[in-house]
Amino acid sequence: MSFWLSLRTLTAVLLAFLYLVPPPSLFAQTHVVTQADLQHEAVDSSARRQQSLNEVNAFFASSLGRRALKDAHISPEQVTKAVSSLDDAELAKLAARTQRAQQDFAAGSLSSHALVIIVVAIAVVLVVILATKL
């Protein structure tokens, strides 16, 4: 009987030891992404967003953009507010579209009338987006 008692005691001590002492792999874990990488990505994301905001706002602040907004009776403040409420992905898409429209206009493949229609269409979409988010 003492053999079984010794075996149970030894098993209990072994299980207690395994429970109380964590495996060595838990001591020296390194993070996959460092804090510096996270901070760098946050700064880059903020800079990309600001650049996109500047591009879109410059598009609507151009003389043609202001004229198109005025003709459509859309307030520039509404457009600015709507642009600010876009998430990063939507804002990046809009910035790419406005940049492409400006390049096409500068290259002569768009008439000023077509650009006015594009400005009005984008502004209307922005106002609708703003209205649905509020």
N, C-alpha and C. Protein backbone atom coordinates (compact mmCIF):
# COMPACT_ATOMS: atom_id res chain seq x y z
N MET A 1 0.80 -1.18 0.00
CA MET A 1 0.00 0.00 0.00
C MET A 1 0.86 1.26 0.00
N SER A 2 2.01 1.19 0.57
CA SER A 2 2.87 2.35 0.61
C SER A 2 3.38 2.70 -0.78
N PHE A 3 3.46 1.70 -1.67
CA PHE A 3 3.87 1.97 -3.03
C PHE A 3 2.84 2.87 -3.72
N TRP A 4 1.56 2.54 -3.55
CA TRP A 4 0.51 3.34 -4.18
C TRP A 4 0.43 4.73 -3.57
N LEU A 5 0.66 4.82 -2.30
CA LEU A 5 0.66 6.12 -1.63
C LEU A 5 1.82 6.98 -2.13
N SER A 6 2.97 6.36 -2.29
CA SER A 6 4.14 7.08 -2.80
C SER A 6 3.91 7.53 -4.25
N LEU A 7 3.29 6.66 -5.04
CA LEU A 7 3.02 6.98 -6.43
C LEU A 7 2.02 8.14 -6.54
N ARG A 8 0.99 8.11 -5.72
CA ARG A 8 0.01 9.21 -5.72
C ARG A 8 0.66 10.51 -5.26
N THR A 9 1.48 10.45 -4.25
CA THR A 9 2.16 11.65 -3.75
C THR A 9 3.09 12.20 -4.82
N LEU A 10 3.83 11.33 -5.46
CA LEU A 10 4.75 11.76 -6.51
C LEU A 10 3.97 12.38 -7.68
N THR A 11 2.85 11.79 -8.05
CA THR A 11 2.01 12.33 -9.12
C THR A 11 1.46 13.70 -8.74
N ALA A 12 1.01 13.84 -7.52
CA ALA A 12 0.47 15.12 -7.05
C ALA A 12 1.55 16.19 -7.06
N VAL A 13 2.74 15.86 -6.61
CA VAL A 13 3.84 16.83 -6.59
C VAL A 13 4.22 17.21 -8.02
N LEU A 14 4.26 16.25 -8.92
CA LEU A 14 4.61 16.52 -10.32
C LEU A 14 3.56 17.42 -10.97
N LEU A 15 2.29 17.13 -10.76
CA LEU A 15 1.24 17.97 -11.33
C LEU A 15 1.25 19.37 -10.73
N ALA A 16 1.49 19.48 -9.44
CA ALA A 16 1.57 20.80 -8.81
C ALA A 16 2.75 21.59 -9.37
N PHE A 17 3.87 20.91 -9.58
CA PHE A 17 5.04 21.57 -10.15
C PHE A 17 4.74 22.08 -11.56
N LEU A 18 4.10 21.24 -12.38
CA LEU A 18 3.78 21.64 -13.74
C LEU A 18 2.77 22.78 -13.77
N TYR A 19 1.87 22.80 -12.80
CA TYR A 19 0.86 23.84 -12.75
C TYR A 19 1.47 25.17 -12.28
N LEU A 20 2.36 25.12 -11.32
CA LEU A 20 2.91 26.34 -10.72
C LEU A 20 4.05 26.94 -11.53
N VAL A 21 4.79 26.14 -12.26
CA VAL A 21 5.94 26.63 -13.02
C VAL A 21 5.54 26.68 -14.49
N PRO A 22 5.39 27.90 -15.05
CA PRO A 22 5.01 28.01 -16.47
C PRO A 22 6.15 27.56 -17.37
N PRO A 23 5.81 27.16 -18.58
CA PRO A 23 6.85 26.72 -19.51
C PRO A 23 7.77 27.89 -19.89
N PRO A 24 9.03 27.60 -20.18
CA PRO A 24 10.00 28.65 -20.51
C PRO A 24 9.60 29.48 -21.74
N SER A 25 8.80 28.92 -22.63
CA SER A 25 8.44 29.66 -23.84
C SER A 25 7.59 30.88 -23.51
N LEU A 26 6.95 30.92 -22.36
CA LEU A 26 6.15 32.08 -21.98
C LEU A 26 7.00 33.25 -21.47
N PHE A 27 8.23 32.96 -21.07
CA PHE A 27 9.07 34.00 -20.46
C PHE A 27 9.62 34.98 -21.49
N ALA A 28 10.06 34.51 -22.61
CA ALA A 28 10.79 35.36 -23.54
C ALA A 28 10.07 35.51 -24.87
N GLN A 29 8.77 35.76 -24.85
CA GLN A 29 8.06 35.95 -26.10
C GLN A 29 8.33 37.35 -26.63
N THR A 30 8.55 37.41 -27.91
CA THR A 30 8.70 38.72 -28.56
C THR A 30 7.44 39.00 -29.35
N HIS A 31 7.10 40.25 -29.45
CA HIS A 31 5.92 40.63 -30.19
C HIS A 31 6.21 40.61 -31.68
N VAL A 32 5.20 40.26 -32.44
CA VAL A 32 5.37 40.19 -33.88
C VAL A 32 5.56 41.60 -34.46
N VAL A 33 4.80 42.56 -33.92
CA VAL A 33 4.90 43.94 -34.38
C VAL A 33 5.39 44.78 -33.20
N THR A 34 6.44 45.52 -33.43
CA THR A 34 6.98 46.34 -32.34
C THR A 34 6.17 47.62 -32.17
N GLN A 35 6.34 48.23 -31.03
CA GLN A 35 5.64 49.49 -30.74
C GLN A 35 6.06 50.57 -31.73
N ALA A 36 7.32 50.58 -32.09
CA ALA A 36 7.82 51.58 -33.06
C ALA A 36 7.17 51.39 -34.43
N ASP A 37 6.98 50.12 -34.83
CA ASP A 37 6.31 49.85 -36.11
C ASP A 37 4.87 50.34 -36.09
N LEU A 38 4.18 50.11 -34.97
CA LEU A 38 2.80 50.57 -34.83
C LEU A 38 2.71 52.09 -34.91
N GLN A 39 3.62 52.75 -34.21
CA GLN A 39 3.62 54.21 -34.21
C GLN A 39 3.95 54.75 -35.60
N HIS A 40 4.90 54.13 -36.27
CA HIS A 40 5.28 54.56 -37.62
C HIS A 40 4.10 54.40 -38.58
N GLU A 41 3.38 53.29 -38.47
CA GLU A 41 2.23 53.05 -39.34
C GLU A 41 1.11 54.06 -39.06
N ALA A 42 0.91 54.40 -37.79
CA ALA A 42 -0.11 55.39 -37.43
C ALA A 42 0.24 56.76 -38.01
N VAL A 43 1.50 57.13 -37.95
CA VAL A 43 1.94 58.41 -38.50
C VAL A 43 1.78 58.42 -40.02
N ASP A 44 2.16 57.31 -40.67
CA ASP A 44 2.01 57.22 -42.13
C ASP A 44 0.55 57.29 -42.55
N SER A 45 -0.30 56.59 -41.82
CA SER A 45 -1.73 56.60 -42.13
C SER A 45 -2.31 58.00 -41.99
N SER A 46 -1.90 58.69 -40.95
CA SER A 46 -2.37 60.05 -40.73
C SER A 46 -1.89 60.98 -41.84
N ALA A 47 -0.66 60.80 -42.27
CA ALA A 47 -0.11 61.64 -43.35
C ALA A 47 -0.82 61.36 -44.67
N ARG A 48 -1.11 60.07 -44.96
CA ARG A 48 -1.84 59.73 -46.19
C ARG A 48 -3.24 60.33 -46.16
N ARG A 49 -3.90 60.27 -45.01
CA ARG A 49 -5.25 60.83 -44.90
C ARG A 49 -5.21 62.34 -45.13
N GLN A 50 -4.24 63.02 -44.52
CA GLN A 50 -4.13 64.46 -44.68
C GLN A 50 -3.85 64.83 -46.13
N GLN A 51 -3.01 64.06 -46.80
CA GLN A 51 -2.72 64.33 -48.21
C GLN A 51 -3.98 64.15 -49.06
N SER A 52 -4.75 63.09 -48.79
CA SER A 52 -6.00 62.86 -49.53
C SER A 52 -6.99 64.00 -49.28
N LEU A 53 -7.09 64.43 -48.02
CA LEU A 53 -7.98 65.56 -47.69
C LEU A 53 -7.57 66.81 -48.46
N ASN A 54 -6.27 67.07 -48.48
CA ASN A 54 -5.78 68.26 -49.19
C ASN A 54 -6.09 68.19 -50.69
N GLU A 55 -5.91 67.00 -51.29
CA GLU A 55 -6.18 66.85 -52.73
C GLU A 55 -7.65 67.08 -53.04
N VAL A 56 -8.54 66.48 -52.24
CA VAL A 56 -9.98 66.63 -52.50
C VAL A 56 -10.42 68.06 -52.25
N ASN A 57 -9.96 68.65 -51.15
CA ASN A 57 -10.34 70.04 -50.85
C ASN A 57 -9.80 71.01 -51.91
N ALA A 58 -8.61 70.74 -52.42
CA ALA A 58 -8.06 71.59 -53.48
C ALA A 58 -8.88 71.46 -54.75
N PHE A 59 -9.38 70.27 -55.02
CA PHE A 59 -10.23 70.05 -56.20
C PHE A 59 -11.49 70.89 -56.10
N PHE A 60 -12.13 70.89 -54.94
CA PHE A 60 -13.36 71.67 -54.78
C PHE A 60 -13.08 73.16 -54.59
N ALA A 61 -11.87 73.51 -54.19
CA ALA A 61 -11.52 74.92 -54.00
C ALA A 61 -11.05 75.58 -55.29
N SER A 62 -10.82 74.78 -56.33
CA SER A 62 -10.39 75.37 -57.60
C SER A 62 -11.51 76.24 -58.16
N SER A 63 -11.17 77.13 -59.07
CA SER A 63 -12.18 78.04 -59.61
C SER A 63 -13.31 77.27 -60.28
N LEU A 64 -12.98 76.23 -61.01
CA LEU A 64 -14.00 75.42 -61.66
C LEU A 64 -14.85 74.67 -60.62
N GLY A 65 -14.21 74.17 -59.58
CA GLY A 65 -14.94 73.47 -58.53
C GLY A 65 -15.89 74.39 -57.79
N ARG A 66 -15.41 75.57 -57.45
CA ARG A 66 -16.28 76.55 -56.75
C ARG A 66 -17.47 76.95 -57.63
N ARG A 67 -17.18 77.15 -58.91
CA ARG A 67 -18.25 77.53 -59.83
C ARG A 67 -19.29 76.41 -59.96
N ALA A 68 -18.81 75.17 -60.05
CA ALA A 68 -19.72 74.03 -60.18
C ALA A 68 -20.57 73.88 -58.93
N LEU A 69 -19.96 74.04 -57.75
CA LEU A 69 -20.73 73.95 -56.51
C LEU A 69 -21.76 75.07 -56.43
N LYS A 70 -21.35 76.26 -56.84
CA LYS A 70 -22.28 77.40 -56.81
C LYS A 70 -23.45 77.17 -57.76
N ASP A 71 -23.17 76.67 -58.97
CA ASP A 71 -24.23 76.41 -59.94
C ASP A 71 -25.19 75.33 -59.45
N ALA A 72 -24.68 74.38 -58.68
CA ALA A 72 -25.53 73.30 -58.18
C ALA A 72 -26.17 73.65 -56.84
N HIS A 73 -25.90 74.86 -56.35
CA HIS A 73 -26.43 75.33 -55.07
C HIS A 73 -26.02 74.41 -53.92
N ILE A 74 -24.76 74.00 -53.95
CA ILE A 74 -24.20 73.17 -52.88
C ILE A 74 -23.18 73.99 -52.12
N SER A 75 -23.32 74.01 -50.84
CA SER A 75 -22.43 74.79 -49.99
C SER A 75 -21.05 74.13 -49.92
N PRO A 76 -19.98 74.91 -50.09
CA PRO A 76 -18.63 74.35 -49.93
C PRO A 76 -18.41 73.80 -48.52
N GLU A 77 -19.06 74.38 -47.54
CA GLU A 77 -18.92 73.89 -46.16
C GLU A 77 -19.51 72.49 -46.04
N GLN A 78 -20.64 72.25 -46.73
CA GLN A 78 -21.24 70.91 -46.71
C GLN A 78 -20.28 69.89 -47.30
N VAL A 79 -19.66 70.27 -48.40
CA VAL A 79 -18.73 69.36 -49.06
C VAL A 79 -17.52 69.10 -48.16
N THR A 80 -16.98 70.13 -47.56
CA THR A 80 -15.83 69.97 -46.67
C THR A 80 -16.19 69.07 -45.50
N LYS A 81 -17.38 69.28 -44.93
CA LYS A 81 -17.82 68.45 -43.81
C LYS A 81 -18.01 67.00 -44.26
N ALA A 82 -18.58 66.80 -45.43
CA ALA A 82 -18.79 65.45 -45.95
C ALA A 82 -17.46 64.75 -46.22
N VAL A 83 -16.51 65.49 -46.78
CA VAL A 83 -15.19 64.91 -47.07
C VAL A 83 -14.51 64.50 -45.77
N SER A 84 -14.63 65.32 -44.74
CA SER A 84 -14.00 65.01 -43.46
C SER A 84 -14.60 63.79 -42.80
N SER A 85 -15.86 63.49 -43.10
CA SER A 85 -16.52 62.36 -42.45
C SER A 85 -16.24 61.02 -43.14
N LEU A 86 -15.59 61.04 -44.29
CA LEU A 86 -15.28 59.80 -44.99
C LEU A 86 -14.22 59.01 -44.24
N ASP A 87 -14.30 57.69 -44.34
CA ASP A 87 -13.23 56.89 -43.74
C ASP A 87 -12.02 56.91 -44.69
N ASP A 88 -10.92 56.36 -44.23
CA ASP A 88 -9.66 56.46 -44.98
C ASP A 88 -9.76 55.85 -46.38
N ALA A 89 -10.42 54.69 -46.50
CA ALA A 89 -10.51 54.02 -47.81
C ALA A 89 -11.37 54.84 -48.78
N GLU A 90 -12.51 55.34 -48.30
CA GLU A 90 -13.38 56.16 -49.17
C GLU A 90 -12.66 57.43 -49.59
N LEU A 91 -11.97 58.04 -48.65
CA LEU A 91 -11.25 59.28 -48.94
C LEU A 91 -10.14 59.05 -49.96
N ALA A 92 -9.43 57.94 -49.84
CA ALA A 92 -8.36 57.63 -50.80
C ALA A 92 -8.93 57.41 -52.20
N LYS A 93 -10.08 56.73 -52.29
CA LYS A 93 -10.71 56.52 -53.59
C LYS A 93 -11.15 57.85 -54.20
N LEU A 94 -11.75 58.70 -53.38
CA LEU A 94 -12.21 59.99 -53.86
C LEU A 94 -11.03 60.86 -54.31
N ALA A 95 -9.95 60.83 -53.55
CA ALA A 95 -8.76 61.61 -53.92
C ALA A 95 -8.21 61.13 -55.26
N ALA A 96 -8.20 59.82 -55.46
CA ALA A 96 -7.71 59.28 -56.73
C ALA A 96 -8.60 59.72 -57.90
N ARG A 97 -9.91 59.71 -57.66
CA ARG A 97 -10.84 60.12 -58.73
C ARG A 97 -10.70 61.61 -59.05
N THR A 98 -10.58 62.43 -58.02
CA THR A 98 -10.44 63.86 -58.29
C THR A 98 -9.12 64.16 -58.98
N GLN A 99 -8.08 63.45 -58.59
CA GLN A 99 -6.79 63.65 -59.23
C GLN A 99 -6.84 63.22 -60.70
N ARG A 100 -7.50 62.10 -60.96
CA ARG A 100 -7.63 61.62 -62.33
C ARG A 100 -8.44 62.61 -63.17
N ALA A 101 -9.51 63.16 -62.60
CA ALA A 101 -10.33 64.14 -63.32
C ALA A 101 -9.52 65.38 -63.64
N GLN A 102 -8.72 65.85 -62.69
CA GLN A 102 -7.88 67.03 -62.94
C GLN A 102 -6.84 66.75 -64.02
N GLN A 103 -6.26 65.56 -63.98
CA GLN A 103 -5.26 65.21 -64.99
C GLN A 103 -5.89 65.11 -66.38
N ASP A 104 -7.09 64.50 -66.44
CA ASP A 104 -7.78 64.40 -67.73
C ASP A 104 -8.14 65.78 -68.26
N PHE A 105 -8.57 66.67 -67.36
CA PHE A 105 -8.90 68.03 -67.78
C PHE A 105 -7.67 68.76 -68.27
N ALA A 106 -6.55 68.61 -67.54
CA ALA A 106 -5.31 69.27 -67.93
C ALA A 106 -4.79 68.72 -69.26
N ALA A 107 -5.03 67.44 -69.51
CA ALA A 107 -4.56 66.83 -70.77
C ALA A 107 -5.48 67.15 -71.93
N GLY A 108 -6.63 67.73 -71.62
CA GLY A 108 -7.55 68.11 -72.68
C GLY A 108 -8.56 67.04 -73.04
N SER A 109 -8.55 65.92 -72.34
CA SER A 109 -9.51 64.87 -72.67
C SER A 109 -10.87 65.10 -72.03
N LEU A 110 -10.97 66.09 -71.16
CA LEU A 110 -12.25 66.48 -70.56
C LEU A 110 -12.50 67.95 -70.85
N SER A 111 -13.71 68.26 -71.22
CA SER A 111 -14.06 69.67 -71.40
C SER A 111 -14.40 70.25 -70.03
N SER A 112 -14.45 71.55 -69.95
CA SER A 112 -14.78 72.17 -68.67
C SER A 112 -16.21 71.82 -68.26
N HIS A 113 -17.09 71.65 -69.23
CA HIS A 113 -18.46 71.26 -68.93
C HIS A 113 -18.51 69.86 -68.30
N ALA A 114 -17.72 68.93 -68.85
CA ALA A 114 -17.67 67.57 -68.31
C ALA A 114 -17.09 67.58 -66.90
N LEU A 115 -16.08 68.41 -66.68
CA LEU A 115 -15.48 68.50 -65.34
C LEU A 115 -16.48 69.09 -64.35
N VAL A 116 -17.26 70.06 -64.78
CA VAL A 116 -18.31 70.63 -63.91
C VAL A 116 -19.30 69.54 -63.52
N ILE A 117 -19.69 68.72 -64.46
CA ILE A 117 -20.63 67.63 -64.17
C ILE A 117 -20.01 66.65 -63.17
N ILE A 118 -18.74 66.35 -63.34
CA ILE A 118 -18.04 65.45 -62.41
C ILE A 118 -17.99 66.06 -61.02
N VAL A 119 -17.66 67.34 -60.93
CA VAL A 119 -17.60 68.02 -59.63
C VAL A 119 -18.95 67.97 -58.95
N VAL A 120 -20.01 68.28 -59.69
CA VAL A 120 -21.35 68.27 -59.11
C VAL A 120 -21.73 66.86 -58.66
N ALA A 121 -21.43 65.88 -59.48
CA ALA A 121 -21.77 64.49 -59.13
C ALA A 121 -21.05 64.06 -57.86
N ILE A 122 -19.77 64.37 -57.77
CA ILE A 122 -19.00 64.00 -56.58
C ILE A 122 -19.55 64.74 -55.36
N ALA A 123 -19.85 66.00 -55.52
CA ALA A 123 -20.38 66.78 -54.40
C ALA A 123 -21.72 66.22 -53.93
N VAL A 124 -22.58 65.86 -54.85
CA VAL A 124 -23.88 65.30 -54.47
C VAL A 124 -23.69 63.98 -53.73
N VAL A 125 -22.80 63.14 -54.22
CA VAL A 125 -22.53 61.87 -53.53
C VAL A 125 -22.02 62.13 -52.12
N LEU A 126 -21.13 63.10 -51.98
CA LEU A 126 -20.61 63.42 -50.66
C LEU A 126 -21.70 63.91 -49.72
N VAL A 127 -22.57 64.75 -50.20
CA VAL A 127 -23.65 65.26 -49.36
C VAL A 127 -24.58 64.13 -48.96
N VAL A 128 -24.86 63.22 -49.88
CA VAL A 128 -25.70 62.05 -49.55
C VAL A 128 -25.03 61.18 -48.51
N ILE A 129 -23.74 60.95 -48.65
CA ILE A 129 -23.00 60.16 -47.67
C ILE A 129 -23.07 60.82 -46.31
N LEU A 130 -22.88 62.12 -46.29
CA LEU A 130 -22.95 62.86 -45.02
C LEU A 130 -24.33 62.73 -44.41
N ALA A 131 -25.37 62.85 -45.22
CA ALA A 131 -26.74 62.75 -44.71
C ALA A 131 -27.03 61.36 -44.15
N THR A 132 -26.49 60.33 -44.76
CA THR A 132 -26.75 58.98 -44.26
C THR A 132 -25.96 58.67 -42.99
N LYS A 133 -24.81 59.32 -42.81
CA LYS A 133 -24.01 59.07 -41.61
C LYS A 133 -24.56 59.83 -40.40
N LEU A 134 -25.31 60.87 -40.63
CA LEU A 134 -25.85 61.64 -39.51
C LEU A 134 -27.14 61.10 -39.08
